[in-house]
């Protein structure tokens, strides 16, 4: 699990968590932790190059050309179908798009605007006891 905490337009703190069964045999636990450490995070094989990509994208957006043109967040926008699970939770069903990012920002805005938990639940149809 990854928690990404923005610290402004040029900085993000990332925390990685590995969740394991507490009853795992010690040898399996050791292997799972080793794999987690070598998959994601600073020592991991995945996302090693993402830091450079994000850094260069941020720098490019601050440049002369980047400031002249607005960013386009419309890839496949309006083509995904919102599916509601029996639990009341929803997800966007599509093959490709920026729906995950758009959904994240929309949800963040709703969380920031909600007066309390009840208001947030009413926005999302979240059953009581799940937030």
N, C-alpha and C. Protein backbone atom coordinates (compact mmCIF):
# COMPACT_ATOMS: atom_id res chain seq x y z
N UNK A 1 0.86 -1.16 0.00
CA UNK A 1 0.00 0.00 0.00
C UNK A 1 0.91 1.22 0.00
N UNK A 2 0.52 2.22 -0.74
CA UNK A 2 1.32 3.43 -0.87
C UNK A 2 0.50 4.64 -0.44
N UNK A 3 1.10 5.47 0.37
CA UNK A 3 0.49 6.72 0.80
C UNK A 3 1.34 7.85 0.25
N UNK A 4 0.74 8.71 -0.56
CA UNK A 4 1.48 9.82 -1.16
C UNK A 4 0.96 11.13 -0.58
N UNK A 5 1.86 11.87 0.04
CA UNK A 5 1.51 13.11 0.73
C UNK A 5 2.15 14.30 0.01
N UNK A 6 1.35 15.08 -0.73
CA UNK A 6 1.93 16.24 -1.40
C UNK A 6 2.39 17.29 -0.39
N UNK A 7 3.56 17.82 -0.63
CA UNK A 7 4.11 18.89 0.21
C UNK A 7 4.32 20.14 -0.65
N UNK A 8 3.40 20.39 -1.56
CA UNK A 8 3.52 21.54 -2.45
C UNK A 8 3.71 21.08 -3.87
N UNK A 9 3.79 22.02 -4.80
CA UNK A 9 3.86 21.66 -6.21
C UNK A 9 5.13 20.93 -6.62
N UNK A 10 6.18 21.00 -5.85
CA UNK A 10 7.44 20.37 -6.26
C UNK A 10 7.91 19.26 -5.35
N UNK A 11 7.06 18.80 -4.42
CA UNK A 11 7.53 17.81 -3.46
C UNK A 11 6.40 16.91 -2.99
N UNK A 12 6.66 15.61 -2.96
CA UNK A 12 5.70 14.62 -2.45
C UNK A 12 6.44 13.63 -1.58
N UNK A 13 5.89 13.36 -0.41
CA UNK A 13 6.43 12.34 0.49
C UNK A 13 5.66 11.05 0.22
N UNK A 14 6.38 9.93 0.08
CA UNK A 14 5.74 8.65 -0.20
C UNK A 14 6.09 7.66 0.90
N UNK A 15 5.05 7.04 1.45
CA UNK A 15 5.23 5.99 2.46
C UNK A 15 4.74 4.69 1.86
N UNK A 16 5.52 3.64 1.97
CA UNK A 16 5.13 2.31 1.48
C UNK A 16 4.86 1.41 2.67
N UNK A 17 3.78 0.66 2.60
CA UNK A 17 3.40 -0.27 3.65
C UNK A 17 3.20 -1.65 3.04
N UNK A 18 3.63 -2.67 3.75
CA UNK A 18 3.38 -4.06 3.35
C UNK A 18 2.54 -4.68 4.44
N UNK A 19 1.40 -5.22 4.07
CA UNK A 19 0.49 -5.81 5.04
C UNK A 19 0.61 -7.33 4.94
N UNK A 20 0.91 -7.95 6.06
CA UNK A 20 1.11 -9.39 6.09
C UNK A 20 0.21 -10.02 7.16
N UNK A 21 -0.08 -11.27 6.95
CA UNK A 21 -0.83 -12.05 7.94
C UNK A 21 0.05 -12.23 9.18
N UNK A 22 -0.48 -11.89 10.33
CA UNK A 22 0.34 -11.98 11.54
C UNK A 22 0.68 -13.42 11.90
N UNK A 23 -0.07 -14.36 11.37
CA UNK A 23 0.18 -15.78 11.65
C UNK A 23 1.07 -16.46 10.61
N UNK A 24 1.70 -15.66 9.74
CA UNK A 24 2.59 -16.24 8.72
C UNK A 24 3.78 -16.92 9.39
N UNK A 25 4.21 -18.04 8.81
CA UNK A 25 5.45 -18.64 9.31
C UNK A 25 6.61 -17.65 9.14
N UNK A 26 7.56 -17.64 10.07
CA UNK A 26 8.66 -16.65 10.03
C UNK A 26 9.42 -16.62 8.70
N UNK A 27 9.68 -17.79 8.10
CA UNK A 27 10.44 -17.82 6.85
C UNK A 27 9.64 -17.18 5.71
N UNK A 28 8.33 -17.44 5.65
CA UNK A 28 7.47 -16.82 4.64
C UNK A 28 7.41 -15.31 4.85
N UNK A 29 7.31 -14.90 6.10
CA UNK A 29 7.26 -13.47 6.44
C UNK A 29 8.54 -12.77 5.97
N UNK A 30 9.69 -13.40 6.26
CA UNK A 30 10.98 -12.83 5.86
C UNK A 30 11.05 -12.69 4.33
N UNK A 31 10.59 -13.70 3.61
CA UNK A 31 10.58 -13.66 2.15
C UNK A 31 9.65 -12.58 1.64
N UNK A 32 8.46 -12.45 2.22
CA UNK A 32 7.50 -11.43 1.80
C UNK A 32 8.06 -10.03 2.01
N UNK A 33 8.72 -9.81 3.14
CA UNK A 33 9.31 -8.49 3.42
C UNK A 33 10.45 -8.20 2.44
N UNK A 34 11.29 -9.21 2.16
CA UNK A 34 12.38 -9.03 1.20
C UNK A 34 11.83 -8.68 -0.18
N UNK A 35 10.78 -9.38 -0.60
CA UNK A 35 10.18 -9.09 -1.91
C UNK A 35 9.57 -7.70 -1.95
N UNK A 36 8.90 -7.31 -0.89
CA UNK A 36 8.31 -5.97 -0.84
C UNK A 36 9.40 -4.90 -0.92
N UNK A 37 10.49 -5.10 -0.19
CA UNK A 37 11.59 -4.12 -0.21
C UNK A 37 12.26 -4.03 -1.57
N UNK A 38 12.23 -5.13 -2.33
CA UNK A 38 12.89 -5.13 -3.63
C UNK A 38 11.93 -4.91 -4.79
N UNK A 39 10.67 -4.63 -4.47
CA UNK A 39 9.69 -4.37 -5.52
C UNK A 39 9.41 -2.87 -5.63
N UNK A 40 8.95 -2.27 -4.54
CA UNK A 40 8.62 -0.84 -4.54
C UNK A 40 9.54 -0.09 -3.57
N UNK A 41 9.45 1.22 -3.59
CA UNK A 41 10.24 2.03 -2.68
C UNK A 41 11.62 2.33 -3.23
N UNK A 42 12.47 2.97 -2.43
CA UNK A 42 13.78 3.42 -2.89
C UNK A 42 14.68 2.30 -3.41
N UNK A 43 14.57 1.09 -2.83
CA UNK A 43 15.42 -0.01 -3.25
C UNK A 43 14.73 -0.92 -4.26
N UNK A 44 13.50 -0.59 -4.63
CA UNK A 44 12.71 -1.48 -5.48
C UNK A 44 13.04 -1.41 -6.95
N UNK A 45 12.68 -2.49 -7.65
CA UNK A 45 12.89 -2.56 -9.09
C UNK A 45 11.77 -1.86 -9.87
N UNK A 46 10.59 -1.75 -9.28
CA UNK A 46 9.49 -1.06 -9.96
C UNK A 46 9.45 0.39 -9.51
N UNK A 47 9.11 1.25 -10.40
CA UNK A 47 8.97 2.68 -10.18
C UNK A 47 10.29 3.40 -9.94
N UNK A 48 11.43 2.73 -10.21
CA UNK A 48 12.71 3.41 -10.07
C UNK A 48 12.79 4.65 -10.95
N UNK A 49 12.32 4.50 -12.19
CA UNK A 49 12.44 5.59 -13.14
C UNK A 49 11.32 6.62 -12.99
N UNK A 50 10.30 6.32 -12.19
CA UNK A 50 9.19 7.25 -12.06
C UNK A 50 9.60 8.56 -11.40
N UNK A 51 10.55 8.50 -10.48
CA UNK A 51 11.01 9.72 -9.82
C UNK A 51 11.55 10.71 -10.83
N UNK A 52 12.37 10.21 -11.76
CA UNK A 52 12.93 11.08 -12.80
C UNK A 52 11.82 11.60 -13.72
N UNK A 53 10.87 10.73 -14.08
CA UNK A 53 9.77 11.16 -14.94
C UNK A 53 8.96 12.27 -14.29
N UNK A 54 8.61 12.08 -13.02
CA UNK A 54 7.82 13.10 -12.32
C UNK A 54 8.61 14.39 -12.17
N UNK A 55 9.90 14.27 -11.87
CA UNK A 55 10.74 15.46 -11.73
C UNK A 55 10.79 16.24 -13.04
N UNK A 56 11.03 15.55 -14.15
CA UNK A 56 11.13 16.23 -15.43
C UNK A 56 9.78 16.79 -15.89
N UNK A 57 8.70 16.08 -15.59
CA UNK A 57 7.36 16.59 -15.94
C UNK A 57 7.06 17.87 -15.16
N UNK A 58 7.44 17.88 -13.89
CA UNK A 58 7.22 19.07 -13.06
C UNK A 58 8.03 20.24 -13.60
N UNK A 59 9.28 19.99 -13.93
CA UNK A 59 10.13 21.06 -14.46
C UNK A 59 9.60 21.58 -15.80
N UNK A 60 9.15 20.67 -16.66
CA UNK A 60 8.63 21.08 -17.97
C UNK A 60 7.37 21.94 -17.81
N UNK A 61 6.53 21.61 -16.84
CA UNK A 61 5.30 22.38 -16.64
C UNK A 61 5.60 23.80 -16.18
N UNK A 62 6.77 24.00 -15.56
CA UNK A 62 7.15 25.34 -15.10
C UNK A 62 7.83 26.16 -16.19
N UNK A 63 8.18 25.52 -17.31
CA UNK A 63 8.91 26.21 -18.37
C UNK A 63 8.03 27.15 -19.16
N UNK A 64 8.64 27.85 -20.09
CA UNK A 64 7.95 28.86 -20.91
C UNK A 64 6.79 28.25 -21.68
N UNK A 65 7.02 27.16 -22.38
CA UNK A 65 5.96 26.53 -23.18
C UNK A 65 4.90 25.93 -22.25
N UNK A 66 5.33 25.27 -21.20
CA UNK A 66 4.39 24.65 -20.26
C UNK A 66 3.43 25.65 -19.63
N UNK A 67 3.89 26.86 -19.41
CA UNK A 67 3.02 27.89 -18.81
C UNK A 67 2.09 28.52 -19.83
N UNK A 68 2.37 28.35 -21.12
CA UNK A 68 1.53 28.95 -22.16
C UNK A 68 0.31 28.10 -22.51
N UNK A 69 0.36 26.81 -22.21
CA UNK A 69 -0.73 25.91 -22.61
C UNK A 69 -1.28 25.19 -21.38
N UNK A 70 -2.60 25.14 -21.27
CA UNK A 70 -3.18 24.41 -20.13
C UNK A 70 -2.99 22.91 -20.31
N UNK A 71 -2.90 22.19 -19.18
CA UNK A 71 -2.80 20.74 -19.25
C UNK A 71 -4.14 20.16 -19.68
N UNK A 72 -4.10 19.07 -20.41
CA UNK A 72 -5.31 18.42 -20.89
C UNK A 72 -5.53 17.14 -20.08
N UNK A 73 -6.61 17.11 -19.30
CA UNK A 73 -6.93 15.95 -18.47
C UNK A 73 -8.14 15.21 -19.02
N UNK A 74 -8.32 15.18 -20.33
CA UNK A 74 -9.55 14.67 -20.91
C UNK A 74 -9.43 13.32 -21.61
N UNK A 75 -8.35 12.58 -21.37
CA UNK A 75 -8.19 11.31 -22.06
C UNK A 75 -9.35 10.37 -21.73
N UNK A 76 -10.13 10.04 -22.72
CA UNK A 76 -11.27 9.13 -22.60
C UNK A 76 -12.34 9.65 -21.62
N UNK A 77 -12.29 10.93 -21.31
CA UNK A 77 -13.23 11.51 -20.37
C UNK A 77 -14.66 11.40 -20.90
N UNK A 78 -15.57 10.96 -20.05
CA UNK A 78 -16.97 10.83 -20.43
C UNK A 78 -17.31 9.50 -21.08
N UNK A 79 -16.32 8.63 -21.23
CA UNK A 79 -16.58 7.35 -21.88
C UNK A 79 -16.65 6.18 -20.90
N UNK A 80 -16.20 6.38 -19.69
CA UNK A 80 -16.27 5.32 -18.69
C UNK A 80 -17.67 5.25 -18.09
N UNK A 81 -18.02 4.09 -17.61
CA UNK A 81 -19.33 3.88 -17.00
C UNK A 81 -19.14 3.70 -15.50
N UNK A 82 -19.88 4.45 -14.70
CA UNK A 82 -19.80 4.30 -13.26
C UNK A 82 -20.66 3.11 -12.86
N UNK A 83 -20.01 2.12 -12.24
CA UNK A 83 -20.69 0.91 -11.77
C UNK A 83 -20.82 1.00 -10.26
N UNK A 84 -22.01 0.70 -9.76
CA UNK A 84 -22.25 0.70 -8.32
C UNK A 84 -22.32 -0.73 -7.82
N UNK A 85 -21.49 -1.03 -6.83
CA UNK A 85 -21.47 -2.35 -6.22
C UNK A 85 -22.68 -2.48 -5.29
N UNK A 86 -23.08 -3.71 -4.95
CA UNK A 86 -24.19 -3.89 -3.99
C UNK A 86 -23.93 -3.19 -2.66
N UNK A 87 -22.65 -3.01 -2.30
CA UNK A 87 -22.30 -2.32 -1.05
C UNK A 87 -22.59 -0.83 -1.11
N UNK A 88 -22.81 -0.29 -2.32
CA UNK A 88 -23.01 1.15 -2.49
C UNK A 88 -21.77 1.85 -3.01
N UNK A 89 -20.61 1.20 -2.94
CA UNK A 89 -19.38 1.81 -3.45
C UNK A 89 -19.39 1.76 -4.97
N UNK A 90 -18.70 2.69 -5.58
CA UNK A 90 -18.72 2.81 -7.04
C UNK A 90 -17.31 2.76 -7.60
N UNK A 91 -17.20 2.38 -8.85
CA UNK A 91 -15.94 2.43 -9.58
C UNK A 91 -16.24 2.72 -11.04
N UNK A 92 -15.23 3.19 -11.77
CA UNK A 92 -15.40 3.49 -13.18
C UNK A 92 -14.89 2.31 -13.99
N UNK A 93 -15.73 1.81 -14.87
CA UNK A 93 -15.40 0.65 -15.69
C UNK A 93 -15.04 1.13 -17.09
N UNK A 94 -13.75 1.03 -17.44
CA UNK A 94 -13.28 1.45 -18.75
C UNK A 94 -11.95 0.76 -19.05
N UNK A 95 -11.54 0.79 -20.29
CA UNK A 95 -10.29 0.14 -20.66
C UNK A 95 -9.08 1.05 -20.43
N UNK A 96 -9.23 2.31 -20.75
CA UNK A 96 -8.10 3.23 -20.65
C UNK A 96 -8.62 4.62 -20.34
N UNK A 97 -7.87 5.38 -19.61
CA UNK A 97 -8.28 6.74 -19.30
C UNK A 97 -7.59 7.26 -18.06
N UNK A 98 -7.96 8.44 -17.67
CA UNK A 98 -7.42 9.08 -16.47
C UNK A 98 -8.46 9.09 -15.36
N UNK A 99 -9.37 8.13 -15.42
CA UNK A 99 -10.48 8.13 -14.46
C UNK A 99 -10.01 7.99 -13.02
N UNK A 100 -8.97 7.19 -12.80
CA UNK A 100 -8.49 7.02 -11.43
C UNK A 100 -8.02 8.36 -10.86
N UNK A 101 -7.28 9.12 -11.66
CA UNK A 101 -6.79 10.41 -11.19
C UNK A 101 -7.94 11.39 -11.00
N UNK A 102 -8.85 11.45 -11.99
CA UNK A 102 -9.98 12.36 -11.88
C UNK A 102 -10.86 12.00 -10.69
N UNK A 103 -11.08 10.71 -10.47
CA UNK A 103 -11.89 10.25 -9.34
C UNK A 103 -11.22 10.64 -8.02
N UNK A 104 -9.89 10.51 -7.97
CA UNK A 104 -9.16 10.87 -6.76
C UNK A 104 -9.34 12.34 -6.44
N UNK A 105 -9.17 13.21 -7.43
CA UNK A 105 -9.31 14.65 -7.18
C UNK A 105 -10.75 15.02 -6.83
N UNK A 106 -11.72 14.39 -7.49
CA UNK A 106 -13.12 14.66 -7.18
C UNK A 106 -13.43 14.24 -5.74
N UNK A 107 -12.96 13.06 -5.37
CA UNK A 107 -13.19 12.57 -4.01
C UNK A 107 -12.50 13.47 -2.99
N UNK A 108 -11.28 13.89 -3.29
CA UNK A 108 -10.56 14.77 -2.38
C UNK A 108 -11.34 16.06 -2.16
N UNK A 109 -11.87 16.64 -3.25
CA UNK A 109 -12.64 17.87 -3.14
C UNK A 109 -13.90 17.65 -2.29
N UNK A 110 -14.55 16.51 -2.47
CA UNK A 110 -15.74 16.22 -1.65
C UNK A 110 -15.38 16.05 -0.19
N UNK A 111 -14.27 15.40 0.08
CA UNK A 111 -13.83 15.23 1.48
C UNK A 111 -13.53 16.60 2.10
N UNK A 112 -12.88 17.47 1.35
CA UNK A 112 -12.53 18.78 1.89
C UNK A 112 -13.76 19.65 2.11
N UNK A 113 -14.79 19.48 1.28
CA UNK A 113 -15.99 20.32 1.36
C UNK A 113 -17.02 19.79 2.37
N UNK A 114 -16.91 18.52 2.75
CA UNK A 114 -17.92 17.93 3.64
C UNK A 114 -17.83 18.55 5.04
N UNK A 115 -18.98 18.86 5.59
CA UNK A 115 -19.04 19.44 6.94
C UNK A 115 -18.71 18.41 8.01
N UNK A 116 -19.14 17.16 7.78
CA UNK A 116 -18.92 16.10 8.75
C UNK A 116 -19.04 14.75 8.05
N UNK A 117 -18.91 13.66 8.82
CA UNK A 117 -18.96 12.32 8.23
C UNK A 117 -20.30 12.04 7.58
N UNK A 118 -21.38 12.50 8.18
CA UNK A 118 -22.71 12.25 7.61
C UNK A 118 -22.85 12.90 6.23
N UNK A 119 -22.32 14.12 6.10
CA UNK A 119 -22.38 14.80 4.80
C UNK A 119 -21.54 14.05 3.76
N UNK A 120 -20.39 13.55 4.19
CA UNK A 120 -19.54 12.78 3.28
C UNK A 120 -20.23 11.50 2.86
N UNK A 121 -20.85 10.81 3.79
CA UNK A 121 -21.57 9.58 3.46
C UNK A 121 -22.69 9.85 2.46
N UNK A 122 -23.40 10.96 2.63
CA UNK A 122 -24.50 11.25 1.72
C UNK A 122 -24.00 11.56 0.31
N UNK A 123 -22.81 12.15 0.19
CA UNK A 123 -22.22 12.41 -1.13
C UNK A 123 -21.83 11.14 -1.84
N UNK A 124 -21.40 10.15 -1.10
CA UNK A 124 -20.83 8.93 -1.69
C UNK A 124 -21.71 7.70 -1.53
N UNK A 125 -22.81 7.84 -0.85
CA UNK A 125 -23.63 6.67 -0.53
C UNK A 125 -22.81 5.63 0.21
N UNK A 126 -21.98 6.07 1.14
CA UNK A 126 -21.14 5.17 1.91
C UNK A 126 -21.94 4.67 3.11
N UNK A 127 -22.05 3.37 3.27
CA UNK A 127 -22.79 2.85 4.42
C UNK A 127 -22.15 3.27 5.73
N UNK A 128 -22.97 3.54 6.74
CA UNK A 128 -22.47 3.92 8.06
C UNK A 128 -21.56 2.81 8.58
N UNK A 129 -20.52 3.20 9.29
CA UNK A 129 -19.60 2.22 9.85
C UNK A 129 -18.45 1.87 8.93
N UNK A 130 -18.42 2.38 7.70
CA UNK A 130 -17.34 2.05 6.78
C UNK A 130 -16.34 3.19 6.66
N UNK A 131 -16.64 4.36 7.22
CA UNK A 131 -15.69 5.49 7.17
C UNK A 131 -15.21 5.77 8.56
